[in-house]
């Protein structure tokens, strides 16, 4: 059964401020927790477009039969293309991106996202094998078994901020020469073994993964699995691609809200918002503006909104959520 708890629902409604007759886009539909609340607020004439790459999410939301919700199975990086082809409701008064990893995806069988259960290393958000233009969609297993050591080191360091990136990459390359690394447990064993600075990450005689993080806050394989998921799905590249599209399609006065869950995403969002809220980007030494840049956005949340203590207690996965909101300026 599909299950996902949307974070900061009250705050999303407060800051996006939907009213009857408006149109909104939820670019990361998930279980439609946010989209359903937005849809209620814009009744009877307003519409909400919900986008998700995960076919299981789409199937679940369609079964809920939310009357003014248009559901599209696609990658949000193609936002403008999706709007022109599937959503002829204008103006667009608000856009939401919840960049959090879905609990439903984590627990869904045979997705390979979790190091806590043995599955094939997949990690794709979609079940499709090919893109629309016929290109094969790579899996985490492809990356682990075929990418050069230097590239593995790069993604572990860049996307996982893993301090032992080089050491782990070297161990992976050494292990795959003996036999392919096919499952989550096989990869986790290698990572834990390197964290332990021992050859094996398994308890002697037990066959079970030994936890070396009893006194730490995270499992030792967390950063490597995060990095692989990000690279497999081009998460940060897609985020950079959609941000300017959001600004272009928003109606003046419309708001864009983004919920991020780790520093890599939040840094991209913050830098984009700051950049697009400034009129001049010239170096301070320039006596007059030469760039001609005009601010397109007004920052609404000077500091990111975070979950209240009660929400964190009820849903511990929400603890790292950061919600930033901007409003499109009415430039003439």
C-alpha atoms as a PDB file:
ATOM      1  CA  UNK A   1       0.000   0.000   0.000  1.00  0.00           C
ATOM      2  CA  UNK A   2       1.336   3.426  -0.980  1.00  0.00           C
ATOM      3  CA  UNK A   3       2.116   5.554   2.064  1.00  0.00           C
ATOM      4  CA  UNK A   4       3.870   8.889   2.384  1.00  0.00           C
ATOM      5  CA  UNK A   5       3.524  11.644   4.963  1.00  0.00           C
ATOM      6  CA  UNK A   6       3.865  15.119   3.450  1.00  0.00           C
ATOM      7  CA  UNK A   7       5.811  17.595   5.560  1.00  0.00           C
ATOM      8  CA  UNK A   8       4.966  21.207   6.441  1.00  0.00           C
ATOM      9  CA  UNK A   9       1.429  21.018   5.006  1.00  0.00           C
ATOM     10  CA  UNK A  10       0.099  23.898   7.100  1.00  0.00           C
ATOM     11  CA  UNK A  11       3.096  26.053   6.228  1.00  0.00           C
ATOM     12  CA  UNK A  12       2.754  25.292   2.511  1.00  0.00           C
ATOM     13  CA  UNK A  13      -0.864  26.457   2.528  1.00  0.00           C
ATOM     14  CA  UNK A  14      -0.015  29.525   4.588  1.00  0.00           C
ATOM     15  CA  UNK A  15       2.802  30.750   2.353  1.00  0.00           C
ATOM     16  CA  UNK A  16       1.444  29.746  -1.061  1.00  0.00           C
ATOM     17  CA  UNK A  17      -1.907  31.215   0.045  1.00  0.00           C
ATOM     18  CA  UNK A  18      -4.248  29.505  -2.464  1.00  0.00           C
ATOM     19  CA  UNK A  19      -7.711  31.035  -2.973  1.00  0.00           C
ATOM     20  CA  UNK A  20     -10.730  29.867  -5.014  1.00  0.00           C
ATOM     21  CA  UNK A  21     -10.225  30.028  -8.765  1.00  0.00           C
ATOM     22  CA  UNK A  22      -6.419  29.947  -8.770  1.00  0.00           C
ATOM     23  CA  UNK A  23      -4.184  27.374 -10.473  1.00  0.00           C
ATOM     24  CA  UNK A  24      -1.248  25.611  -8.837  1.00  0.00           C
ATOM     25  CA  UNK A  25       1.411  23.068  -9.764  1.00  0.00           C
ATOM     26  CA  UNK A  26       2.804  20.408  -7.433  1.00  0.00           C
ATOM     27  CA  UNK A  27       5.926  19.253  -9.244  1.00  0.00           C
ATOM     28  CA  UNK A  28       6.591  16.392  -6.828  1.00  0.00           C
ATOM     29  CA  UNK A  29       3.173  14.837  -6.325  1.00  0.00           C
ATOM     30  CA  UNK A  30       4.047  11.825  -4.171  1.00  0.00           C
ATOM     31  CA  UNK A  31       0.943  10.779  -2.250  1.00  0.00           C
ATOM     32  CA  UNK A  32      -0.777  14.105  -3.069  1.00  0.00           C
ATOM     33  CA  UNK A  33      -0.671  15.312   0.538  1.00  0.00           C
ATOM     34  CA  UNK A  34       0.133  18.870  -0.537  1.00  0.00           C
ATOM     35  CA  UNK A  35      -1.742  18.761  -3.842  1.00  0.00           C
ATOM     36  CA  UNK A  36      -4.992  17.649  -2.217  1.00  0.00           C
ATOM     37  CA  UNK A  37      -4.891  20.531   0.271  1.00  0.00           C
ATOM     38  CA  UNK A  38      -4.177  23.005  -2.527  1.00  0.00           C
ATOM     39  CA  UNK A  39      -6.999  21.516  -4.607  1.00  0.00           C
ATOM     40  CA  UNK A  40      -9.493  22.012  -1.777  1.00  0.00           C
ATOM     41  CA  UNK A  41      -8.555  25.665  -1.441  1.00  0.00           C
ATOM     42  CA  UNK A  42      -8.956  26.537  -5.140  1.00  0.00           C
ATOM     43  CA  UNK A  43     -12.393  24.969  -5.638  1.00  0.00           C
ATOM     44  CA  UNK A  44     -14.675  25.239  -7.535  1.00  0.00           C
ATOM     45  CA  UNK A  45     -12.954  26.644 -10.639  1.00  0.00           C
ATOM     46  CA  UNK A  46      -9.260  26.388  -9.770  1.00  0.00           C
ATOM     47  CA  UNK A  47      -7.066  23.503 -10.897  1.00  0.00           C
ATOM     48  CA  UNK A  48      -3.930  21.783  -9.588  1.00  0.00           C
ATOM     49  CA  UNK A  49      -1.423  20.025 -11.832  1.00  0.00           C
ATOM     50  CA  UNK A  50       0.415  17.174 -10.108  1.00  0.00           C
ATOM     51  CA  UNK A  51       3.628  15.815 -11.645  1.00  0.00           C
ATOM     52  CA  UNK A  52       5.545  12.711 -10.608  1.00  0.00           C
ATOM     53  CA  UNK A  53       8.011  10.380 -12.302  1.00  0.00           C
ATOM     54  CA  UNK A  54       7.025   7.420 -10.129  1.00  0.00           C
ATOM     55  CA  UNK A  55       4.277   5.332 -11.730  1.00  0.00           C
ATOM     56  CA  UNK A  56       3.208   3.960  -8.337  1.00  0.00           C
ATOM     57  CA  UNK A  57       2.570   7.477  -7.077  1.00  0.00           C
ATOM     58  CA  UNK A  58       0.470   8.293 -10.134  1.00  0.00           C
ATOM     59  CA  UNK A  59      -1.588   5.121  -9.749  1.00  0.00           C
ATOM     60  CA  UNK A  60      -2.220   5.839  -6.069  1.00  0.00           C
ATOM     61  CA  UNK A  61      -3.279   9.452  -6.603  1.00  0.00           C
ATOM     62  CA  UNK A  62      -5.573   8.604  -9.500  1.00  0.00           C
ATOM     63  CA  UNK A  63      -7.394   6.159  -7.232  1.00  0.00           C
ATOM     64  CA  UNK A  64      -8.197   9.042  -4.857  1.00  0.00           C
ATOM     65  CA  UNK A  65     -10.199  10.748  -7.632  1.00  0.00           C
ATOM     66  CA  UNK A  66      -9.536  14.338  -6.585  1.00  0.00           C
ATOM     67  CA  UNK A  67     -11.856  16.246  -8.963  1.00  0.00           C
ATOM     68  CA  UNK A  68      -9.756  19.316  -9.764  1.00  0.00           C
ATOM     69  CA  UNK A  69      -6.363  17.592  -9.822  1.00  0.00           C
ATOM     70  CA  UNK A  70      -4.724  16.879 -13.202  1.00  0.00           C
ATOM     71  CA  UNK A  71      -2.135  14.109 -12.836  1.00  0.00           C
ATOM     72  CA  UNK A  72       0.849  13.664 -15.181  1.00  0.00           C
ATOM     73  CA  UNK A  73       3.510  10.934 -15.112  1.00  0.00           C
ATOM     74  CA  UNK A  74       6.614  12.848 -16.170  1.00  0.00           C
ATOM     75  CA  UNK A  75       9.878  14.375 -15.023  1.00  0.00           C
ATOM     76  CA  UNK A  76       9.410  17.847 -13.562  1.00  0.00           C
ATOM     77  CA  UNK A  77      12.512  19.061 -15.383  1.00  0.00           C
ATOM     78  CA  UNK A  78      10.259  19.272 -18.454  1.00  0.00           C
ATOM     79  CA  UNK A  79       7.831  21.650 -16.712  1.00  0.00           C
ATOM     80  CA  UNK A  80       7.183  24.051 -19.591  1.00  0.00           C
ATOM     81  CA  UNK A  81       6.677  21.204 -22.038  1.00  0.00           C
ATOM     82  CA  UNK A  82       4.233  19.524 -19.642  1.00  0.00           C
ATOM     83  CA  UNK A  83       2.236  22.714 -19.121  1.00  0.00           C
ATOM     84  CA  UNK A  84       1.873  23.399 -22.823  1.00  0.00           C
ATOM     85  CA  UNK A  85       0.863  19.830 -23.575  1.00  0.00           C
ATOM     86  CA  UNK A  86      -1.246  18.754 -20.592  1.00  0.00           C
ATOM     87  CA  UNK A  87      -2.357  21.744 -18.550  1.00  0.00           C
ATOM     88  CA  UNK A  88      -4.163  24.536 -20.311  1.00  0.00           C
ATOM     89  CA  UNK A  89      -5.130  26.333 -17.111  1.00  0.00           C
ATOM     90  CA  UNK A  90      -3.706  29.826 -16.746  1.00  0.00           C
ATOM     91  CA  UNK A  91      -2.471  31.862 -15.011  1.00  0.00           C
ATOM     92  CA  UNK A  92      -0.198  29.781 -12.767  1.00  0.00           C
ATOM     93  CA  UNK A  93      -0.506  31.285  -9.296  1.00  0.00           C
ATOM     94  CA  UNK A  94       1.814  29.007  -7.363  1.00  0.00           C
ATOM     95  CA  UNK A  95       4.325  26.177  -7.696  1.00  0.00           C
ATOM     96  CA  UNK A  96       5.549  23.700  -5.087  1.00  0.00           C
ATOM     97  CA  UNK A  97       8.535  21.354  -5.098  1.00  0.00           C
ATOM     98  CA  UNK A  98       8.938  18.930  -2.210  1.00  0.00           C
ATOM     99  CA  UNK A  99      12.358  17.426  -2.840  1.00  0.00           C
ATOM    100  CA  UNK A 100      12.037  14.859  -0.075  1.00  0.00           C
ATOM    101  CA  UNK A 101      12.557  11.179  -0.669  1.00  0.00           C
ATOM    102  CA  UNK A 102       9.245   9.330  -0.473  1.00  0.00           C
ATOM    103  CA  UNK A 103       8.721   6.806   2.309  1.00  0.00           C
ATOM    104  CA  UNK A 104       6.652   4.809  -0.176  1.00  0.00           C
ATOM    105  CA  UNK A 105       9.660   4.504  -2.475  1.00  0.00           C
ATOM    106  CA  UNK A 106      11.880   3.459   0.414  1.00  0.00           C
ATOM    107  CA  UNK A 107       9.538   0.649   1.475  1.00  0.00           C
ATOM    108  CA  UNK A 108       8.315  -0.374  -1.978  1.00  0.00           C
ATOM    109  CA  UNK A 109       9.778  -3.770  -2.988  1.00  0.00           C
ATOM    110  CA  UNK A 110      12.597  -4.140  -5.503  1.00  0.00           C
ATOM    111  CA  UNK A 111      13.516  -0.463  -5.727  1.00  0.00           C
ATOM    112  CA  UNK A 112      16.965  -0.808  -4.133  1.00  0.00           C
ATOM    113  CA  UNK A 113      16.902   2.478  -2.241  1.00  0.00           C
ATOM    114  CA  UNK A 114      17.518   1.101   1.238  1.00  0.00           C
ATOM    115  CA  UNK A 115      20.570  -0.554   2.741  1.00  0.00           C
ATOM    116  CA  UNK A 116      18.295  -2.096   5.384  1.00  0.00           C
ATOM    117  CA  UNK A 117      16.829  -4.770   3.104  1.00  0.00           C
ATOM    118  CA  UNK A 118      18.422  -6.896   0.407  1.00  0.00           C
ATOM    119  CA  UNK A 119      17.309  -5.946  -3.078  1.00  0.00           C
ATOM    120  CA  UNK A 120      18.856  -5.412  -6.477  1.00  0.00           C
ATOM    121  CA  UNK A 121      20.657  -2.073  -6.767  1.00  0.00           C
ATOM    122  CA  UNK A 122      18.185  -0.077  -8.871  1.00  0.00           C
ATOM    123  CA  UNK A 123      17.337   3.333  -7.316  1.00  0.00           C
ATOM    124  CA  UNK A 124      15.412   4.719 -10.293  1.00  0.00           C
ATOM    125  CA  UNK A 125      12.387   6.858  -9.483  1.00  0.00           C
ATOM    126  CA  UNK A 126      10.682   5.360 -12.526  1.00  0.00           C
ATOM    127  CA  UNK A 127      10.067   1.714 -13.376  1.00  0.00           C
ATOM    128  CA  UNK A 128      10.574   2.451 -17.053  1.00  0.00           C
ATOM    129  CA  UNK A 129      13.601   0.933 -18.758  1.00  0.00           C
ATOM    130  CA  UNK A 130      13.999   3.617 -21.434  1.00  0.00           C
ATOM    131  CA  UNK A 131      13.427   7.332 -21.916  1.00  0.00           C
ATOM    132  CA  UNK A 132      10.895   8.616 -24.453  1.00  0.00           C
ATOM    133  CA  UNK A 133      13.640   8.928 -27.061  1.00  0.00           C
ATOM    134  CA  UNK A 134      14.729   5.309 -26.574  1.00  0.00           C
ATOM    135  CA  UNK A 135      17.781   5.765 -24.359  1.00  0.00           C
ATOM    136  CA  UNK A 136      18.283   3.157 -21.637  1.00  0.00           C
ATOM    137  CA  UNK A 137      17.860   4.526 -18.114  1.00  0.00           C
ATOM    138  CA  UNK A 138      20.882   3.638 -15.995  1.00  0.00           C
ATOM    139  CA  UNK A 139      20.575   2.057 -12.570  1.00  0.00           C
ATOM    140  CA  UNK A 140      22.713   2.340  -9.459  1.00  0.00           C
ATOM    141  CA  UNK A 141      24.046  -1.139 -10.287  1.00  0.00           C
ATOM    142  CA  UNK A 142      25.316   0.157 -13.642  1.00  0.00           C
ATOM    143  CA  UNK A 143      27.170   2.971 -11.900  1.00  0.00           C
ATOM    144  CA  UNK A 144      28.706   0.774  -9.209  1.00  0.00           C
ATOM    145  CA  UNK A 145      29.886  -1.898 -11.649  1.00  0.00           C
ATOM    146  CA  UNK A 146      31.067   0.133 -14.641  1.00  0.00           C
ATOM    147  CA  UNK A 147      32.066   3.653 -13.659  1.00  0.00           C
ATOM    148  CA  UNK A 148      35.785   4.431 -13.152  1.00  0.00           C
ATOM    149  CA  UNK A 149      37.142   4.745  -9.640  1.00  0.00           C
ATOM    150  CA  UNK A 150      37.644   8.483 -10.067  1.00  0.00           C
ATOM    151  CA  UNK A 151      34.005   9.030 -11.020  1.00  0.00           C
ATOM    152  CA  UNK A 152      32.780   6.969  -8.070  1.00  0.00           C
ATOM    153  CA  UNK A 153      35.005   9.023  -5.779  1.00  0.00           C
ATOM    154  CA  UNK A 154      33.588  12.221  -7.264  1.00  0.00           C
ATOM    155  CA  UNK A 155      29.922  11.359  -6.761  1.00  0.00           C
ATOM    156  CA  UNK A 156      30.459   9.992  -3.234  1.00  0.00           C
ATOM    157  CA  UNK A 157      32.310  13.168  -2.301  1.00  0.00           C
ATOM    158  CA  UNK A 158      30.163  15.657  -4.223  1.00  0.00           C
ATOM    159  CA  UNK A 159      26.686  14.228  -3.682  1.00  0.00           C
ATOM    160  CA  UNK A 160      27.176  12.306  -0.453  1.00  0.00           C
ATOM    161  CA  UNK A 161      29.794  14.532   1.194  1.00  0.00           C
ATOM    162  CA  UNK A 162      31.424  11.250   2.172  1.00  0.00           C
ATOM    163  CA  UNK A 163      34.828  11.779   3.861  1.00  0.00           C
ATOM    164  CA  UNK A 164      36.020   8.273   2.911  1.00  0.00           C
ATOM    165  CA  UNK A 165      34.938   8.589  -0.733  1.00  0.00           C
ATOM    166  CA  UNK A 166      38.250   7.581  -2.307  1.00  0.00           C
ATOM    167  CA  UNK A 167      38.761   4.648   0.034  1.00  0.00           C
ATOM    168  CA  UNK A 168      35.239   3.324  -0.582  1.00  0.00           C
ATOM    169  CA  UNK A 169      35.507   3.751  -4.369  1.00  0.00           C
ATOM    170  CA  UNK A 170      38.789   1.832  -4.395  1.00  0.00           C
ATOM    171  CA  UNK A 171      37.210  -0.998  -2.380  1.00  0.00           C
ATOM    172  CA  UNK A 172      34.234  -1.163  -4.782  1.00  0.00           C
ATOM    173  CA  UNK A 173      36.493  -1.423  -7.837  1.00  0.00           C
ATOM    174  CA  UNK A 174      38.554  -4.119  -6.113  1.00  0.00           C
ATOM    175  CA  UNK A 175      35.430  -6.110  -5.174  1.00  0.00           C
ATOM    176  CA  UNK A 176      33.761  -5.926  -8.597  1.00  0.00           C
ATOM    177  CA  UNK A 177      36.844  -7.425 -10.250  1.00  0.00           C
ATOM    178  CA  UNK A 178      36.058 -10.600  -8.340  1.00  0.00           C
ATOM    179  CA  UNK A 179      32.307 -10.570  -8.942  1.00  0.00           C
ATOM    180  CA  UNK A 180      29.621  -7.971  -9.818  1.00  0.00           C
ATOM    181  CA  UNK A 181      28.038  -5.991  -6.979  1.00  0.00           C
ATOM    182  CA  UNK A 182      24.352  -6.619  -7.535  1.00  0.00           C
ATOM    183  CA  UNK A 183      22.489  -5.990  -4.277  1.00  0.00           C
ATOM    184  CA  UNK A 184      22.087  -3.381  -1.574  1.00  0.00           C
ATOM    185  CA  UNK A 185      23.590  -5.665   1.072  1.00  0.00           C
ATOM    186  CA  UNK A 186      26.635  -6.397  -1.064  1.00  0.00           C
ATOM    187  CA  UNK A 187      27.336  -2.693  -1.477  1.00  0.00           C
ATOM    188  CA  UNK A 188      26.567  -1.897   2.154  1.00  0.00           C
ATOM    189  CA  UNK A 189      28.952  -4.627   3.288  1.00  0.00           C
ATOM    190  CA  UNK A 190      31.801  -3.016   1.334  1.00  0.00           C
ATOM    191  CA  UNK A 191      31.068   0.460   2.669  1.00  0.00           C
ATOM    192  CA  UNK A 192      30.762  -0.675   6.277  1.00  0.00           C
ATOM    193  CA  UNK A 193      33.942  -2.683   5.921  1.00  0.00           C
ATOM    194  CA  UNK A 194      35.839   0.435   4.885  1.00  0.00           C
ATOM    195  CA  UNK A 195      34.312   2.490   7.691  1.00  0.00           C
ATOM    196  CA  UNK A 196      35.489  -0.193  10.096  1.00  0.00           C
ATOM    197  CA  UNK A 197      38.881  -0.225   8.417  1.00  0.00           C
ATOM    198  CA  UNK A 198      38.501  -3.998   8.191  1.00  0.00           C
ATOM    199  CA  UNK A 199      38.033  -6.401   5.324  1.00  0.00           C
ATOM    200  CA  UNK A 200      34.480  -7.316   6.275  1.00  0.00           C
ATOM    201  CA  UNK A 201      31.469  -5.337   7.390  1.00  0.00           C
ATOM    202  CA  UNK A 202      29.690  -8.409   8.748  1.00  0.00           C
ATOM    203  CA  UNK A 203      29.648  -9.794  12.258  1.00  0.00           C
ATOM    204  CA  UNK A 204      31.828 -12.847  12.650  1.00  0.00           C
ATOM    205  CA  UNK A 205      29.775 -15.997  12.215  1.00  0.00           C
ATOM    206  CA  UNK A 206      26.394 -14.253  12.220  1.00  0.00           C
ATOM    207  CA  UNK A 207      26.060 -13.377   8.541  1.00  0.00           C
ATOM    208  CA  UNK A 208      24.346 -10.150   9.559  1.00  0.00           C
ATOM    209  CA  UNK A 209      25.553  -6.631   8.970  1.00  0.00           C
ATOM    210  CA  UNK A 210      27.276  -5.285  12.047  1.00  0.00           C
ATOM    211  CA  UNK A 211      26.221  -1.770  12.957  1.00  0.00           C
ATOM    212  CA  UNK A 212      29.199   0.500  13.502  1.00  0.00           C
ATOM    213  CA  UNK A 213      26.927   3.435  14.052  1.00  0.00           C
ATOM    214  CA  UNK A 214      25.479   2.594  17.439  1.00  0.00           C
ATOM    215  CA  UNK A 215      27.102   5.725  18.776  1.00  0.00           C
ATOM    216  CA  UNK A 216      26.556   7.716  15.575  1.00  0.00           C
ATOM    217  CA  UNK A 217      23.506   9.390  14.199  1.00  0.00           C
ATOM    218  CA  UNK A 218      23.506   7.722  10.766  1.00  0.00           C
ATOM    219  CA  UNK A 219      24.293   4.358   9.225  1.00  0.00           C
ATOM    220  CA  UNK A 220      27.757   4.306   7.581  1.00  0.00           C
ATOM    221  CA  UNK A 221      26.278   3.557   4.143  1.00  0.00           C
ATOM    222  CA  UNK A 222      23.842   6.501   4.222  1.00  0.00           C
ATOM    223  CA  UNK A 223      25.992   8.983   2.330  1.00  0.00           C
ATOM    224  CA  UNK A 224      27.033   6.529  -0.384  1.00  0.00           C
ATOM    225  CA  UNK A 225      23.431   5.463  -0.995  1.00  0.00           C
ATOM    226  CA  UNK A 226      22.318   9.110  -1.104  1.00  0.00           C
ATOM    227  CA  UNK A 227      25.024   9.934  -3.640  1.00  0.00           C
ATOM    228  CA  UNK A 228      24.068   6.983  -5.837  1.00  0.00           C
ATOM    229  CA  UNK A 229      20.372   7.913  -5.757  1.00  0.00           C
ATOM    230  CA  UNK A 230      21.149  11.518  -6.691  1.00  0.00           C
ATOM    231  CA  UNK A 231      23.400  10.489  -9.591  1.00  0.00           C
ATOM    232  CA  UNK A 232      21.059   7.765 -10.863  1.00  0.00           C
ATOM    233  CA  UNK A 233      18.150  10.212 -11.077  1.00  0.00           C
ATOM    234  CA  UNK A 234      20.082  13.408 -11.957  1.00  0.00           C
ATOM    235  CA  UNK A 235      18.375  15.057  -8.996  1.00  0.00           C
ATOM    236  CA  UNK A 236      20.534  18.163  -8.642  1.00  0.00           C
ATOM    237  CA  UNK A 237      20.793  18.699 -12.411  1.00  0.00           C
ATOM    238  CA  UNK A 238      17.011  18.473 -12.711  1.00  0.00           C
ATOM    239  CA  UNK A 239      16.559  20.950  -9.868  1.00  0.00           C
ATOM    240  CA  UNK A 240      18.821  23.472 -11.580  1.00  0.00           C
ATOM    241  CA  UNK A 241      16.900  22.937 -14.811  1.00  0.00           C
ATOM    242  CA  UNK A 242      13.420  23.534 -13.384  1.00  0.00           C
ATOM    243  CA  UNK A 243      14.118  26.670 -11.319  1.00  0.00           C
ATOM    244  CA  UNK A 244      14.250  29.185 -14.215  1.00  0.00           C
ATOM    245  CA  UNK A 245      11.219  27.486 -15.792  1.00  0.00           C
ATOM    246  CA  UNK A 246       9.236  28.090 -12.614  1.00  0.00           C
ATOM    247  CA  UNK A 247      10.011  31.793 -12.793  1.00  0.00           C
ATOM    248  CA  UNK A 248       8.991  31.991 -16.438  1.00  0.00           C
ATOM    249  CA  UNK A 249       5.628  30.253 -16.042  1.00  0.00           C
ATOM    250  CA  UNK A 250       4.555  31.935 -12.799  1.00  0.00           C
ATOM    251  CA  UNK A 251       2.082  34.797 -12.938  1.00  0.00           C
ATOM    252  CA  UNK A 252       3.367  38.053 -11.398  1.00  0.00           C
ATOM    253  CA  UNK A 253       2.475  37.876  -7.723  1.00  0.00           C
ATOM    254  CA  UNK A 254       2.562  34.071  -7.875  1.00  0.00           C
ATOM    255  CA  UNK A 255       4.677  32.181  -5.372  1.00  0.00           C
ATOM    256  CA  UNK A 256       7.239  29.408  -5.631  1.00  0.00           C
ATOM    257  CA  UNK A 257       7.865  27.245  -2.571  1.00  0.00           C
ATOM    258  CA  UNK A 258      10.590  24.620  -2.304  1.00  0.00           C
ATOM    259  CA  UNK A 259      11.118  22.087   0.479  1.00  0.00           C
ATOM    260  CA  UNK A 260      14.630  20.635   0.596  1.00  0.00           C
ATOM    261  CA  UNK A 261      16.090  17.981   2.868  1.00  0.00           C
ATOM    262  CA  UNK A 262      19.850  18.247   2.576  1.00  0.00           C
ATOM    263  CA  UNK A 263      22.420  20.981   2.154  1.00  0.00           C
ATOM    264  CA  UNK A 264      23.153  20.247  -1.509  1.00  0.00           C
ATOM    265  CA  UNK A 265      19.558  20.980  -2.561  1.00  0.00           C
ATOM    266  CA  UNK A 266      19.085  23.873  -0.166  1.00  0.00           C
ATOM    267  CA  UNK A 267      22.281  25.551  -1.364  1.00  0.00           C
ATOM    268  CA  UNK A 268      21.108  25.445  -4.996  1.00  0.00           C
ATOM    269  CA  UNK A 269      17.680  26.830  -4.081  1.00  0.00           C
ATOM    270  CA  UNK A 270      19.047  29.573  -1.833  1.00  0.00           C
ATOM    271  CA  UNK A 271      21.639  30.734  -4.356  1.00  0.00           C
ATOM    272  CA  UNK A 272      19.073  30.844  -7.166  1.00  0.00           C
ATOM    273  CA  UNK A 273      16.591  32.800  -5.054  1.00  0.00           C
ATOM    274  CA  UNK A 274      19.250  35.301  -3.972  1.00  0.00           C
ATOM    275  CA  UNK A 275      20.544  35.690  -7.538  1.00  0.00           C
ATOM    276  CA  UNK A 276      17.086  36.322  -8.982  1.00  0.00           C
ATOM    277  CA  UNK A 277      16.110  38.767  -6.225  1.00  0.00           C
ATOM    278  CA  UNK A 278      18.918  41.222  -7.076  1.00  0.00           C
ATOM    279  CA  UNK A 279      18.724  43.999  -9.626  1.00  0.00           C
ATOM    280  CA  UNK A 280      22.443  44.249 -10.288  1.00  0.00           C
ATOM    281  CA  UNK A 281      24.999  41.449 -10.297  1.00  0.00           C
ATOM    282  CA  UNK A 282      28.040  43.541 -11.204  1.00  0.00           C
ATOM    283  CA  UNK A 283      31.145  43.448  -8.988  1.00  0.00           C
ATOM    284  CA  UNK A 284      31.053  46.098  -6.205  1.00  0.00           C
ATOM    285  CA  UNK A 285      33.968  47.933  -7.840  1.00  0.00           C
ATOM    286  CA  UNK A 286      31.857  48.850 -10.897  1.00  0.00           C
ATOM    287  CA  UNK A 287      30.677  52.484 -10.590  1.00  0.00           C
ATOM    288  CA  UNK A 288      27.551  51.798 -12.664  1.00  0.00           C
ATOM    289  CA  UNK A 289      25.581  48.684 -13.537  1.00  0.00           C
ATOM    290  CA  UNK A 290      26.718  47.027 -16.734  1.00  0.00           C
ATOM    291  CA  UNK A 291      24.914  43.691 -16.458  1.00  0.00           C
ATOM    292  CA  UNK A 292      21.381  45.021 -16.845  1.00  0.00           C
ATOM    293  CA  UNK A 293      20.032  42.244 -14.650  1.00  0.00           C
ATOM    294  CA  UNK A 294      16.563  42.898 -13.267  1.00  0.00           C
ATOM    295  CA  UNK A 295      15.270  41.161 -10.149  1.00  0.00           C
ATOM    296  CA  UNK A 296      12.498  38.709 -10.981  1.00  0.00           C
ATOM    297  CA  UNK A 297      11.787  37.486  -7.469  1.00  0.00           C
ATOM    298  CA  UNK A 298      11.051  38.817  -4.016  1.00  0.00           C
ATOM    299  CA  UNK A 299      12.191  36.648  -1.114  1.00  0.00           C
ATOM    300  CA  UNK A 300       9.305  35.943   1.261  1.00  0.00           C
ATOM    301  CA  UNK A 301      11.088  33.748   3.808  1.00  0.00           C
ATOM    302  CA  UNK A 302      14.302  35.469   4.893  1.00  0.00           C
ATOM    303  CA  UNK A 303      15.202  32.285   6.731  1.00  0.00           C
ATOM    304  CA  UNK A 304      13.919  28.813   5.797  1.00  0.00           C
ATOM    305  CA  UNK A 305      10.785  27.573   7.540  1.00  0.00           C
ATOM    306  CA  UNK A 306      11.356  24.364   9.504  1.00  0.00           C
ATOM    307  CA  UNK A 307       8.900  21.894  11.058  1.00  0.00           C
ATOM    308  CA  UNK A 308       7.471  22.557  14.495  1.00  0.00           C
ATOM    309  CA  UNK A 309       8.550  20.303  17.361  1.00  0.00           C
ATOM    310  CA  UNK A 310       5.264  18.393  17.290  1.00  0.00           C
ATOM    311  CA  UNK A 311       5.626  17.557  13.602  1.00  0.00           C
ATOM    312  CA  UNK A 312       9.157  16.289  14.126  1.00  0.00           C
ATOM    313  CA  UNK A 313       7.889  14.159  17.014  1.00  0.00           C
ATOM    314  CA  UNK A 314       5.061  12.744  14.881  1.00  0.00           C
ATOM    315  CA  UNK A 315       7.218  12.349  11.767  1.00  0.00           C
ATOM    316  CA  UNK A 316      10.968  12.186  12.568  1.00  0.00           C
ATOM    317  CA  UNK A 317      11.805  12.184   8.837  1.00  0.00           C
ATOM    318  CA  UNK A 318      10.624  15.799   8.679  1.00  0.00           C
ATOM    319  CA  UNK A 319      13.376  17.063  10.972  1.00  0.00           C
ATOM    320  CA  UNK A 320      15.746  18.108   8.171  1.00  0.00           C
ATOM    321  CA  UNK A 321      13.108  19.841   6.006  1.00  0.00           C
ATOM    322  CA  UNK A 322      13.691  23.468   4.988  1.00  0.00           C
ATOM    323  CA  UNK A 323      10.996  25.468   3.215  1.00  0.00           C
ATOM    324  CA  UNK A 324      11.903  28.580   1.201  1.00  0.00           C
ATOM    325  CA  UNK A 325       9.386  30.795  -0.595  1.00  0.00           C
ATOM    326  CA  UNK A 326       9.691  33.568  -3.173  1.00  0.00           C
ATOM    327  CA  UNK A 327       7.179  35.703  -5.044  1.00  0.00           C
ATOM    328  CA  UNK A 328       7.450  36.717  -8.679  1.00  0.00           C
ATOM    329  CA  UNK A 329       7.741  40.465  -9.126  1.00  0.00           C
ATOM    330  CA  UNK A 330       5.556  42.451 -11.477  1.00  0.00           C
ATOM    331  CA  UNK A 331       8.251  43.847 -13.780  1.00  0.00           C
ATOM    332  CA  UNK A 332       7.089  46.073 -16.603  1.00  0.00           C
END
